[in-house]
């Protein structure tokens, strides 16, 4: 997946795969959190939000399961 850089104090970049509905969020500390079953509109809202970090905290982190991968 290709990462899209965004302006945020919390998030460095995001990647989204439409076919699998998988979202990956890369943070400034280098951590990457993958999420599954994310609607495309949620991804679009995240990358276009005035505050992507706030959007992430309210619409993704609190309502979507984080999928741990190795």
PDB file of N, CA and C in Angstrom:
ATOM      1  N   UNK A   1       0.848  -1.184   0.000  1.00  0.00           N
ATOM      2  CA  UNK A   1       0.000   0.000   0.000  1.00  0.00           C
ATOM      3  C   UNK A   1       0.889   1.242   0.000  1.00  0.00           C
ATOM      4  N   UNK A   2       0.471   2.205  -0.740  1.00  0.00           N
ATOM      5  CA  UNK A   2       1.203   3.462  -0.810  1.00  0.00           C
ATOM      6  C   UNK A   2       0.740   4.380   0.310  1.00  0.00           C
ATOM      7  N   UNK A   3       1.695   4.951   1.030  1.00  0.00           N
ATOM      8  CA  UNK A   3       1.364   5.843   2.138  1.00  0.00           C
ATOM      9  C   UNK A   3       1.166   7.272   1.639  1.00  0.00           C
ATOM     10  N   UNK A   4       0.196   7.936   2.237  1.00  0.00           N
ATOM     11  CA  UNK A   4      -0.085   9.337   1.964  1.00  0.00           C
ATOM     12  C   UNK A   4       0.367  10.137   3.180  1.00  0.00           C
ATOM     13  N   UNK A   5       1.286  11.064   2.980  1.00  0.00           N
ATOM     14  CA  UNK A   5       1.756  11.923   4.062  1.00  0.00           C
ATOM     15  C   UNK A   5       0.656  12.924   4.413  1.00  0.00           C
ATOM     16  N   UNK A   6       0.459  13.155   5.704  1.00  0.00           N
ATOM     17  CA  UNK A   6      -0.532  14.149   6.120  1.00  0.00           C
ATOM     18  C   UNK A   6       0.074  15.058   7.176  1.00  0.00           C
ATOM     19  N   UNK A   7      -0.498  16.238   7.300  1.00  0.00           N
ATOM     20  CA  UNK A   7      -0.043  17.206   8.295  1.00  0.00           C
ATOM     21  C   UNK A   7      -0.810  16.977   9.584  1.00  0.00           C
ATOM     22  N   UNK A   8      -0.097  16.498  10.569  1.00  0.00           N
ATOM     23  CA  UNK A   8      -0.706  16.206  11.856  1.00  0.00           C
ATOM     24  C   UNK A   8       0.396  16.142  12.898  1.00  0.00           C
ATOM     25  N   UNK A   9       0.082  16.538  14.108  1.00  0.00           N
ATOM     26  CA  UNK A   9       1.060  16.416  15.198  1.00  0.00           C
ATOM     27  C   UNK A   9       1.154  14.979  15.693  1.00  0.00           C
ATOM     28  N   UNK A  10       0.171  14.157  15.376  1.00  0.00           N
ATOM     29  CA  UNK A  10       0.119  12.774  15.848  1.00  0.00           C
ATOM     30  C   UNK A  10       0.490  11.769  14.756  1.00  0.00           C
ATOM     31  N   UNK A  11      -0.006  11.992  13.550  1.00  0.00           N
ATOM     32  CA  UNK A  11       0.094  11.025  12.462  1.00  0.00           C
ATOM     33  C   UNK A  11       1.057  11.527  11.381  1.00  0.00           C
ATOM     34  N   UNK A  12       1.916  10.612  10.902  1.00  0.00           N
ATOM     35  CA  UNK A  12       2.843  10.942   9.823  1.00  0.00           C
ATOM     36  C   UNK A  12       2.229  10.651   8.465  1.00  0.00           C
ATOM     37  N   UNK A  13       1.644   9.444   8.339  1.00  0.00           N
ATOM     38  CA  UNK A  13       1.115   9.018   7.048  1.00  0.00           C
ATOM     39  C   UNK A  13       0.033   7.968   7.247  1.00  0.00           C
ATOM     40  N   UNK A  14      -0.772   7.786   6.210  1.00  0.00           N
ATOM     41  CA  UNK A  14      -1.801   6.749   6.221  1.00  0.00           C
ATOM     42  C   UNK A  14      -1.766   6.027   4.876  1.00  0.00           C
ATOM     43  N   UNK A  15      -2.203   4.781   4.903  1.00  0.00           N
ATOM     44  CA  UNK A  15      -2.319   3.995   3.677  1.00  0.00           C
ATOM     45  C   UNK A  15      -3.658   3.280   3.725  1.00  0.00           C
ATOM     46  N   UNK A  16      -4.252   3.106   2.557  1.00  0.00           N
ATOM     47  CA  UNK A  16      -5.554   2.440   2.495  1.00  0.00           C
ATOM     48  C   UNK A  16      -5.594   1.529   1.289  1.00  0.00           C
ATOM     49  N   UNK A  17      -6.086   0.315   1.496  1.00  0.00           N
ATOM     50  CA  UNK A  17      -6.286  -0.640   0.408  1.00  0.00           C
ATOM     51  C   UNK A  17      -7.787  -0.829   0.225  1.00  0.00           C
ATOM     52  N   UNK A  18      -8.291  -0.387  -0.890  1.00  0.00           N
ATOM     53  CA  UNK A  18      -9.724  -0.423  -1.165  1.00  0.00           C
ATOM     54  C   UNK A  18     -10.256  -1.857  -1.227  1.00  0.00           C
ATOM     55  N   UNK A  19      -9.521  -2.749  -1.866  1.00  0.00           N
ATOM     56  CA  UNK A  19      -9.998  -4.134  -2.018  1.00  0.00           C
ATOM     57  C   UNK A  19     -10.178  -4.849  -0.693  1.00  0.00           C
ATOM     58  N   UNK A  20      -9.248  -4.648   0.233  1.00  0.00           N
ATOM     59  CA  UNK A  20      -9.333  -5.341   1.524  1.00  0.00           C
ATOM     60  C   UNK A  20      -9.939  -4.475   2.618  1.00  0.00           C
ATOM     61  N   UNK A  21     -10.187  -3.188   2.328  1.00  0.00           N
ATOM     62  CA  UNK A  21     -10.705  -2.223   3.311  1.00  0.00           C
ATOM     63  C   UNK A  21      -9.797  -2.151   4.530  1.00  0.00           C
ATOM     64  N   UNK A  22      -8.482  -2.184   4.277  1.00  0.00           N
ATOM     65  CA  UNK A  22      -7.479  -2.139   5.340  1.00  0.00           C
ATOM     66  C   UNK A  22      -6.849  -0.748   5.383  1.00  0.00           C
ATOM     67  N   UNK A  23      -6.793  -0.190   6.562  1.00  0.00           N
ATOM     68  CA  UNK A  23      -6.209   1.121   6.802  1.00  0.00           C
ATOM     69  C   UNK A  23      -4.993   0.949   7.698  1.00  0.00           C
ATOM     70  N   UNK A  24      -3.898   1.591   7.340  1.00  0.00           N
ATOM     71  CA  UNK A  24      -2.717   1.618   8.198  1.00  0.00           C
ATOM     72  C   UNK A  24      -2.409   3.063   8.540  1.00  0.00           C
ATOM     73  N   UNK A  25      -2.187   3.304   9.820  1.00  0.00           N
ATOM     74  CA  UNK A  25      -1.859   4.644  10.294  1.00  0.00           C
ATOM     75  C   UNK A  25      -0.458   4.616  10.873  1.00  0.00           C
ATOM     76  N   UNK A  26       0.412   5.464  10.349  1.00  0.00           N
ATOM     77  CA  UNK A  26       1.791   5.571  10.824  1.00  0.00           C
ATOM     78  C   UNK A  26       1.912   6.822  11.686  1.00  0.00           C
ATOM     79  N   UNK A  27       2.455   6.644  12.873  1.00  0.00           N
ATOM     80  CA  UNK A  27       2.592   7.738  13.822  1.00  0.00           C
ATOM     81  C   UNK A  27       4.018   8.283  13.815  1.00  0.00           C
ATOM     82  N   UNK A  28       4.193   9.464  14.371  1.00  0.00           N
ATOM     83  CA  UNK A  28       5.503  10.104  14.399  1.00  0.00           C
ATOM     84  C   UNK A  28       6.537   9.292  15.170  1.00  0.00           C
ATOM     85  N   UNK A  29       6.097   8.461  16.101  1.00  0.00           N
ATOM     86  CA  UNK A  29       7.046   7.633  16.852  1.00  0.00           C
ATOM     87  C   UNK A  29       7.457   6.373  16.095  1.00  0.00           C
ATOM     88  N   UNK A  30       6.954   6.208  14.864  1.00  0.00           N
ATOM     89  CA  UNK A  30       7.313   5.067  14.036  1.00  0.00           C
ATOM     90  C   UNK A  30       6.351   3.898  14.125  1.00  0.00           C
ATOM     91  N   UNK A  31       5.452   3.918  15.074  1.00  0.00           N
ATOM     92  CA  UNK A  31       4.474   2.853  15.238  1.00  0.00           C
ATOM     93  C   UNK A  31       3.469   2.891  14.088  1.00  0.00           C
ATOM     94  N   UNK A  32       3.074   1.702  13.608  1.00  0.00           N
ATOM     95  CA  UNK A  32       2.068   1.586  12.562  1.00  0.00           C
ATOM     96  C   UNK A  32       0.936   0.728  13.109  1.00  0.00           C
ATOM     97  N   UNK A  33      -0.274   1.248  13.048  1.00  0.00           N
ATOM     98  CA  UNK A  33      -1.456   0.507  13.497  1.00  0.00           C
ATOM     99  C   UNK A  33      -2.315   0.157  12.294  1.00  0.00           C
ATOM    100  N   UNK A  34      -2.560  -1.133  12.067  1.00  0.00           N
ATOM    101  CA  UNK A  34      -3.447  -1.541  10.983  1.00  0.00           C
ATOM    102  C   UNK A  34      -4.879  -1.740  11.491  1.00  0.00           C
ATOM    103  N   UNK A  35      -5.820  -1.380  10.672  1.00  0.00           N
ATOM    104  CA  UNK A  35      -7.246  -1.566  10.975  1.00  0.00           C
ATOM    105  C   UNK A  35      -7.899  -2.245   9.789  1.00  0.00           C
ATOM    106  N   UNK A  36      -8.853  -3.138  10.060  1.00  0.00           N
ATOM    107  CA  UNK A  36      -9.561  -3.832   8.985  1.00  0.00           C
ATOM    108  C   UNK A  36     -11.018  -3.400   8.951  1.00  0.00           C
ATOM    109  N   UNK A  37     -11.645  -3.678   7.828  1.00  0.00           N
ATOM    110  CA  UNK A  37     -13.059  -3.350   7.619  1.00  0.00           C
ATOM    111  C   UNK A  37     -13.356  -1.866   7.793  1.00  0.00           C
ATOM    112  N   UNK A  38     -12.479  -1.048   7.259  1.00  0.00           N
ATOM    113  CA  UNK A  38     -12.651   0.407   7.326  1.00  0.00           C
ATOM    114  C   UNK A  38     -13.282   0.880   6.022  1.00  0.00           C
ATOM    115  N   UNK A  39     -14.436   1.509   6.083  1.00  0.00           N
ATOM    116  CA  UNK A  39     -15.047   2.042   4.857  1.00  0.00           C
ATOM    117  C   UNK A  39     -14.148   3.100   4.208  1.00  0.00           C
ATOM    118  N   UNK A  40     -14.182   3.162   2.897  1.00  0.00           N
ATOM    119  CA  UNK A  40     -13.363   4.131   2.172  1.00  0.00           C
ATOM    120  C   UNK A  40     -13.648   5.559   2.642  1.00  0.00           C
ATOM    121  N   UNK A  41     -14.893   5.866   2.964  1.00  0.00           N
ATOM    122  CA  UNK A  41     -15.245   7.221   3.391  1.00  0.00           C
ATOM    123  C   UNK A  41     -14.532   7.610   4.684  1.00  0.00           C
ATOM    124  N   UNK A  42     -14.312   6.660   5.573  1.00  0.00           N
ATOM    125  CA  UNK A  42     -13.584   6.947   6.811  1.00  0.00           C
ATOM    126  C   UNK A  42     -12.149   7.357   6.471  1.00  0.00           C
ATOM    127  N   UNK A  43     -11.521   6.634   5.551  1.00  0.00           N
ATOM    128  CA  UNK A  43     -10.174   6.993   5.087  1.00  0.00           C
ATOM    129  C   UNK A  43     -10.171   8.394   4.474  1.00  0.00           C
ATOM    130  N   UNK A  44     -11.122   8.657   3.600  1.00  0.00           N
ATOM    131  CA  UNK A  44     -11.177   9.980   2.953  1.00  0.00           C
ATOM    132  C   UNK A  44     -11.405  11.099   3.971  1.00  0.00           C
ATOM    133  N   UNK A  45     -12.268  10.840   4.943  1.00  0.00           N
ATOM    134  CA  UNK A  45     -12.501  11.834   5.990  1.00  0.00           C
ATOM    135  C   UNK A  45     -11.236  12.072   6.803  1.00  0.00           C
ATOM    136  N   UNK A  46     -10.490  11.017   7.081  1.00  0.00           N
ATOM    137  CA  UNK A  46      -9.255  11.147   7.855  1.00  0.00           C
ATOM    138  C   UNK A  46      -8.241  12.020   7.140  1.00  0.00           C
ATOM    139  N   UNK A  47      -7.997  11.751   5.865  1.00  0.00           N
ATOM    140  CA  UNK A  47      -6.958  12.505   5.160  1.00  0.00           C
ATOM    141  C   UNK A  47      -7.373  13.931   4.825  1.00  0.00           C
ATOM    142  N   UNK A  48      -8.670  14.215   4.875  1.00  0.00           N
ATOM    143  CA  UNK A  48      -9.122  15.580   4.572  1.00  0.00           C
ATOM    144  C   UNK A  48      -9.538  16.365   5.818  1.00  0.00           C
ATOM    145  N   UNK A  49      -9.435  15.766   6.981  1.00  0.00           N
ATOM    146  CA  UNK A  49      -9.860  16.431   8.219  1.00  0.00           C
ATOM    147  C   UNK A  49      -8.963  17.620   8.541  1.00  0.00           C
ATOM    148  N   UNK A  50      -9.551  18.652   9.143  1.00  0.00           N
ATOM    149  CA  UNK A  50      -8.754  19.786   9.620  1.00  0.00           C
ATOM    150  C   UNK A  50      -7.750  19.323  10.663  1.00  0.00           C
ATOM    151  N   UNK A  51      -8.152  18.349  11.470  1.00  0.00           N
ATOM    152  CA  UNK A  51      -7.271  17.760  12.477  1.00  0.00           C
ATOM    153  C   UNK A  51      -7.339  16.233  12.345  1.00  0.00           C
ATOM    154  N   UNK A  52      -6.442  15.653  11.529  1.00  0.00           N
ATOM    155  CA  UNK A  52      -6.466  14.201  11.365  1.00  0.00           C
ATOM    156  C   UNK A  52      -6.290  13.445  12.688  1.00  0.00           C
ATOM    157  N   UNK A  53      -5.486  13.973  13.590  1.00  0.00           N
ATOM    158  CA  UNK A  53      -5.297  13.322  14.883  1.00  0.00           C
ATOM    159  C   UNK A  53      -6.588  13.260  15.679  1.00  0.00           C
ATOM    160  N   UNK A  54      -7.327  14.330  15.680  1.00  0.00           N
ATOM    161  CA  UNK A  54      -8.610  14.371  16.373  1.00  0.00           C
ATOM    162  C   UNK A  54      -9.615  13.434  15.707  1.00  0.00           C
ATOM    163  N   UNK A  55      -9.645  13.440  14.377  1.00  0.00           N
ATOM    164  CA  UNK A  55     -10.555  12.542  13.663  1.00  0.00           C
ATOM    165  C   UNK A  55     -10.210  11.098  14.009  1.00  0.00           C
ATOM    166  N   UNK A  56      -8.933  10.764  14.000  1.00  0.00           N
ATOM    167  CA  UNK A  56      -8.490   9.410  14.354  1.00  0.00           C
ATOM    168  C   UNK A  56      -8.961   9.025  15.758  1.00  0.00           C
ATOM    169  N   UNK A  57      -8.738   9.900  16.726  1.00  0.00           N
ATOM    170  CA  UNK A  57      -9.107   9.594  18.114  1.00  0.00           C
ATOM    171  C   UNK A  57     -10.613   9.384  18.266  1.00  0.00           C
ATOM    172  N   UNK A  58     -11.420  10.177  17.599  1.00  0.00           N
ATOM    173  CA  UNK A  58     -12.868  10.114  17.788  1.00  0.00           C
ATOM    174  C   UNK A  58     -13.584   9.110  16.890  1.00  0.00           C
ATOM    175  N   UNK A  59     -13.055   8.843  15.707  1.00  0.00           N
ATOM    176  CA  UNK A  59     -13.793   8.014  14.743  1.00  0.00           C
ATOM    177  C   UNK A  59     -13.133   6.680  14.411  1.00  0.00           C
ATOM    178  N   UNK A  60     -11.891   6.524  14.779  1.00  0.00           N
ATOM    179  CA  UNK A  60     -11.209   5.273  14.446  1.00  0.00           C
ATOM    180  C   UNK A  60     -10.737   4.559  15.709  1.00  0.00           C
ATOM    181  N   UNK A  61      -9.915   5.198  16.492  1.00  0.00           N
ATOM    182  CA  UNK A  61      -9.351   4.547  17.676  1.00  0.00           C
ATOM    183  C   UNK A  61     -10.424   4.080  18.647  1.00  0.00           C
ATOM    184  N   UNK A  62     -11.422   4.886  18.879  1.00  0.00           N
ATOM    185  CA  UNK A  62     -12.446   4.556  19.870  1.00  0.00           C
ATOM    186  C   UNK A  62     -13.516   3.606  19.349  1.00  0.00           C
ATOM    187  N   UNK A  63     -13.634   3.477  18.020  1.00  0.00           N
ATOM    188  CA  UNK A  63     -14.740   2.674  17.491  1.00  0.00           C
ATOM    189  C   UNK A  63     -14.319   1.495  16.625  1.00  0.00           C
ATOM    190  N   UNK A  64     -13.035   1.350  16.372  1.00  0.00           N
ATOM    191  CA  UNK A  64     -12.566   0.274  15.492  1.00  0.00           C
ATOM    192  C   UNK A  64     -11.560  -0.601  16.213  1.00  0.00           C
ATOM    193  N   UNK A  65     -11.646  -1.909  16.011  1.00  0.00           N
ATOM    194  CA  UNK A  65     -10.648  -2.786  16.635  1.00  0.00           C
ATOM    195  C   UNK A  65      -9.295  -2.633  15.946  1.00  0.00           C
ATOM    196  N   UNK A  66      -8.269  -2.579  16.735  1.00  0.00           N
ATOM    197  CA  UNK A  66      -6.896  -2.510  16.247  1.00  0.00           C
ATOM    198  C   UNK A  66      -6.435  -3.936  15.989  1.00  0.00           C
ATOM    199  N   UNK A  67      -5.913  -4.202  14.819  1.00  0.00           N
ATOM    200  CA  UNK A  67      -5.486  -5.547  14.453  1.00  0.00           C
ATOM    201  C   UNK A  67      -3.978  -5.642  14.648  1.00  0.00           C
ATOM    202  N   UNK A  68      -3.548  -6.403  15.602  1.00  0.00           N
ATOM    203  CA  UNK A  68      -2.111  -6.559  15.836  1.00  0.00           C
ATOM    204  C   UNK A  68      -1.518  -7.529  14.820  1.00  0.00           C
ATOM    205  N   UNK A  69      -0.408  -7.126  14.213  1.00  0.00           N
ATOM    206  CA  UNK A  69       0.291  -8.003  13.281  1.00  0.00           C
ATOM    207  C   UNK A  69       1.726  -8.129  13.740  1.00  0.00           C
ATOM    208  N   UNK A  70       2.392  -9.140  13.267  1.00  0.00           N
ATOM    209  CA  UNK A  70       3.802  -9.345  13.633  1.00  0.00           C
ATOM    210  C   UNK A  70       4.697  -8.900  12.527  1.00  0.00           C
TER     211      UNK A  70
END
